[in-house]
């Protein structure tokens, strides 16, 4: 399955850019003002997905003034990536609809 081209975060579109970032000394970066998230293509696909989550958390933190520290962002990204990988059916299943009777 291919990687997505963009994502909306709190109503703003961010374009994903995949490139060799080794010369920049990081695995990814993002800019809310310019609307991009960049990911180093020298990583495996699972590492790229974790980097995307990492940068998404940075943008959410920035937009909501959460002031999350780097280690917190890293742990969140690793934890959510593990949740998705270990439970893929959870993210593709259809949940039962709530009916008036259930209310």
C-alpha atoms as a PDB file:
ATOM      1  CA  UNK A   1       0.000   0.000   0.000  1.00  0.00           C
ATOM      2  CA  UNK A   2       1.413   3.399  -0.965  1.00  0.00           C
ATOM      3  CA  UNK A   3       1.889   6.343   1.327  1.00  0.00           C
ATOM      4  CA  UNK A   4      -0.573   9.246   1.388  1.00  0.00           C
ATOM      5  CA  UNK A   5       0.190  12.592  -0.272  1.00  0.00           C
ATOM      6  CA  UNK A   6      -1.351  14.879   2.340  1.00  0.00           C
ATOM      7  CA  UNK A   7      -3.333  15.106   5.559  1.00  0.00           C
ATOM      8  CA  UNK A   8      -5.627  17.613   7.221  1.00  0.00           C
ATOM      9  CA  UNK A   9      -4.688  18.641  10.751  1.00  0.00           C
ATOM     10  CA  UNK A  10      -7.201  20.844  12.565  1.00  0.00           C
ATOM     11  CA  UNK A  11      -8.601  22.037   9.228  1.00  0.00           C
ATOM     12  CA  UNK A  12      -5.243  22.772   7.581  1.00  0.00           C
ATOM     13  CA  UNK A  13      -3.779  20.689   4.770  1.00  0.00           C
ATOM     14  CA  UNK A  14      -0.204  19.474   5.047  1.00  0.00           C
ATOM     15  CA  UNK A  15       1.551  18.031   2.014  1.00  0.00           C
ATOM     16  CA  UNK A  16       3.865  15.077   2.560  1.00  0.00           C
ATOM     17  CA  UNK A  17       7.275  15.378   0.951  1.00  0.00           C
ATOM     18  CA  UNK A  18       9.506  12.318   0.772  1.00  0.00           C
ATOM     19  CA  UNK A  19      13.222  13.035   0.246  1.00  0.00           C
ATOM     20  CA  UNK A  20      16.734  12.251   1.425  1.00  0.00           C
ATOM     21  CA  UNK A  21      17.186  14.346   4.590  1.00  0.00           C
ATOM     22  CA  UNK A  22      20.450  12.832   5.815  1.00  0.00           C
ATOM     23  CA  UNK A  23      22.304  16.074   5.073  1.00  0.00           C
ATOM     24  CA  UNK A  24      19.876  17.901   7.396  1.00  0.00           C
ATOM     25  CA  UNK A  25      20.623  15.586  10.301  1.00  0.00           C
ATOM     26  CA  UNK A  26      17.043  14.514  11.023  1.00  0.00           C
ATOM     27  CA  UNK A  27      14.509  11.913   9.932  1.00  0.00           C
ATOM     28  CA  UNK A  28      11.727  14.409   9.325  1.00  0.00           C
ATOM     29  CA  UNK A  29      10.598  17.979   9.778  1.00  0.00           C
ATOM     30  CA  UNK A  30       7.475  20.043   9.325  1.00  0.00           C
ATOM     31  CA  UNK A  31       6.287  23.602   8.972  1.00  0.00           C
ATOM     32  CA  UNK A  32       2.770  24.722   9.797  1.00  0.00           C
ATOM     33  CA  UNK A  33       3.230  28.087   8.099  1.00  0.00           C
ATOM     34  CA  UNK A  34       4.241  26.455   4.795  1.00  0.00           C
ATOM     35  CA  UNK A  35       2.005  23.405   5.225  1.00  0.00           C
ATOM     36  CA  UNK A  36       4.441  20.546   4.730  1.00  0.00           C
ATOM     37  CA  UNK A  37       5.698  17.462   6.495  1.00  0.00           C
ATOM     38  CA  UNK A  38       8.977  16.055   5.176  1.00  0.00           C
ATOM     39  CA  UNK A  39      10.113  12.477   5.715  1.00  0.00           C
ATOM     40  CA  UNK A  40      13.532  10.953   5.060  1.00  0.00           C
ATOM     41  CA  UNK A  41      13.278   8.289   2.352  1.00  0.00           C
ATOM     42  CA  UNK A  42      16.327   6.453   3.732  1.00  0.00           C
ATOM     43  CA  UNK A  43      14.074   4.920   6.409  1.00  0.00           C
ATOM     44  CA  UNK A  44      12.002   1.765   6.116  1.00  0.00           C
ATOM     45  CA  UNK A  45       8.295   2.210   5.378  1.00  0.00           C
ATOM     46  CA  UNK A  46       7.359   1.578   9.028  1.00  0.00           C
ATOM     47  CA  UNK A  47       9.939   4.128  10.167  1.00  0.00           C
ATOM     48  CA  UNK A  48       8.581   6.645   7.647  1.00  0.00           C
ATOM     49  CA  UNK A  49       5.074   6.145   9.048  1.00  0.00           C
ATOM     50  CA  UNK A  50       6.343   6.677  12.584  1.00  0.00           C
ATOM     51  CA  UNK A  51       8.136   9.833  11.450  1.00  0.00           C
ATOM     52  CA  UNK A  52       4.881  11.074   9.886  1.00  0.00           C
ATOM     53  CA  UNK A  53       3.096  10.514  13.192  1.00  0.00           C
ATOM     54  CA  UNK A  54       5.926  12.279  15.003  1.00  0.00           C
ATOM     55  CA  UNK A  55       5.643  15.360  12.793  1.00  0.00           C
ATOM     56  CA  UNK A  56       1.828  15.285  12.987  1.00  0.00           C
ATOM     57  CA  UNK A  57       2.085  15.377  16.792  1.00  0.00           C
ATOM     58  CA  UNK A  58       4.444  18.357  16.523  1.00  0.00           C
ATOM     59  CA  UNK A  59       1.902  20.228  14.395  1.00  0.00           C
ATOM     60  CA  UNK A  60      -0.993  19.372  16.724  1.00  0.00           C
ATOM     61  CA  UNK A  61       1.100  20.468  19.702  1.00  0.00           C
ATOM     62  CA  UNK A  62       1.980  23.745  17.989  1.00  0.00           C
ATOM     63  CA  UNK A  63      -1.580  24.497  16.850  1.00  0.00           C
ATOM     64  CA  UNK A  64      -3.114  23.742  20.250  1.00  0.00           C
ATOM     65  CA  UNK A  65      -0.294  25.340  22.281  1.00  0.00           C
ATOM     66  CA  UNK A  66       0.377  22.048  24.079  1.00  0.00           C
ATOM     67  CA  UNK A  67       4.135  22.638  24.230  1.00  0.00           C
ATOM     68  CA  UNK A  68       4.896  18.915  24.064  1.00  0.00           C
ATOM     69  CA  UNK A  69       8.565  18.132  24.582  1.00  0.00           C
ATOM     70  CA  UNK A  70      10.521  16.188  21.962  1.00  0.00           C
ATOM     71  CA  UNK A  71      10.701  13.009  24.054  1.00  0.00           C
ATOM     72  CA  UNK A  72       6.922  13.111  24.584  1.00  0.00           C
ATOM     73  CA  UNK A  73       6.288  13.504  20.858  1.00  0.00           C
ATOM     74  CA  UNK A  74       8.669  10.609  20.143  1.00  0.00           C
ATOM     75  CA  UNK A  75       6.949   8.340  22.669  1.00  0.00           C
ATOM     76  CA  UNK A  76       3.477   9.198  21.388  1.00  0.00           C
ATOM     77  CA  UNK A  77       4.503   8.505  17.791  1.00  0.00           C
ATOM     78  CA  UNK A  78       6.106   5.169  18.715  1.00  0.00           C
ATOM     79  CA  UNK A  79       3.100   4.150  20.821  1.00  0.00           C
ATOM     80  CA  UNK A  80       0.470   5.027  18.230  1.00  0.00           C
ATOM     81  CA  UNK A  81       2.521   3.395  15.456  1.00  0.00           C
ATOM     82  CA  UNK A  82       2.704   0.188  17.524  1.00  0.00           C
ATOM     83  CA  UNK A  83      -1.057   0.343  18.190  1.00  0.00           C
ATOM     84  CA  UNK A  84      -1.806   0.661  14.470  1.00  0.00           C
ATOM     85  CA  UNK A  85       0.644  -2.070  13.422  1.00  0.00           C
ATOM     86  CA  UNK A  86      -0.411  -4.500  16.159  1.00  0.00           C
ATOM     87  CA  UNK A  87      -4.163  -3.935  15.662  1.00  0.00           C
ATOM     88  CA  UNK A  88      -4.746  -3.164  11.960  1.00  0.00           C
ATOM     89  CA  UNK A  89      -8.303  -4.523  12.077  1.00  0.00           C
ATOM     90  CA  UNK A  90      -9.215  -1.777  14.548  1.00  0.00           C
ATOM     91  CA  UNK A  91      -8.547   0.853  11.890  1.00  0.00           C
ATOM     92  CA  UNK A  92     -10.452  -0.871   9.096  1.00  0.00           C
ATOM     93  CA  UNK A  93     -13.475  -2.251  10.931  1.00  0.00           C
ATOM     94  CA  UNK A  94     -16.946  -0.790  10.756  1.00  0.00           C
ATOM     95  CA  UNK A  95     -18.335   0.043  14.170  1.00  0.00           C
ATOM     96  CA  UNK A  96     -21.972  -0.714  14.955  1.00  0.00           C
ATOM     97  CA  UNK A  97     -24.293   2.233  14.533  1.00  0.00           C
ATOM     98  CA  UNK A  98     -26.050   3.550  17.595  1.00  0.00           C
ATOM     99  CA  UNK A  99     -29.829   3.436  17.291  1.00  0.00           C
ATOM    100  CA  UNK A 100     -32.612   5.286  19.105  1.00  0.00           C
ATOM    101  CA  UNK A 101     -33.244   2.058  21.010  1.00  0.00           C
ATOM    102  CA  UNK A 102     -29.665   2.167  22.390  1.00  0.00           C
ATOM    103  CA  UNK A 103     -30.058   5.707  23.739  1.00  0.00           C
END
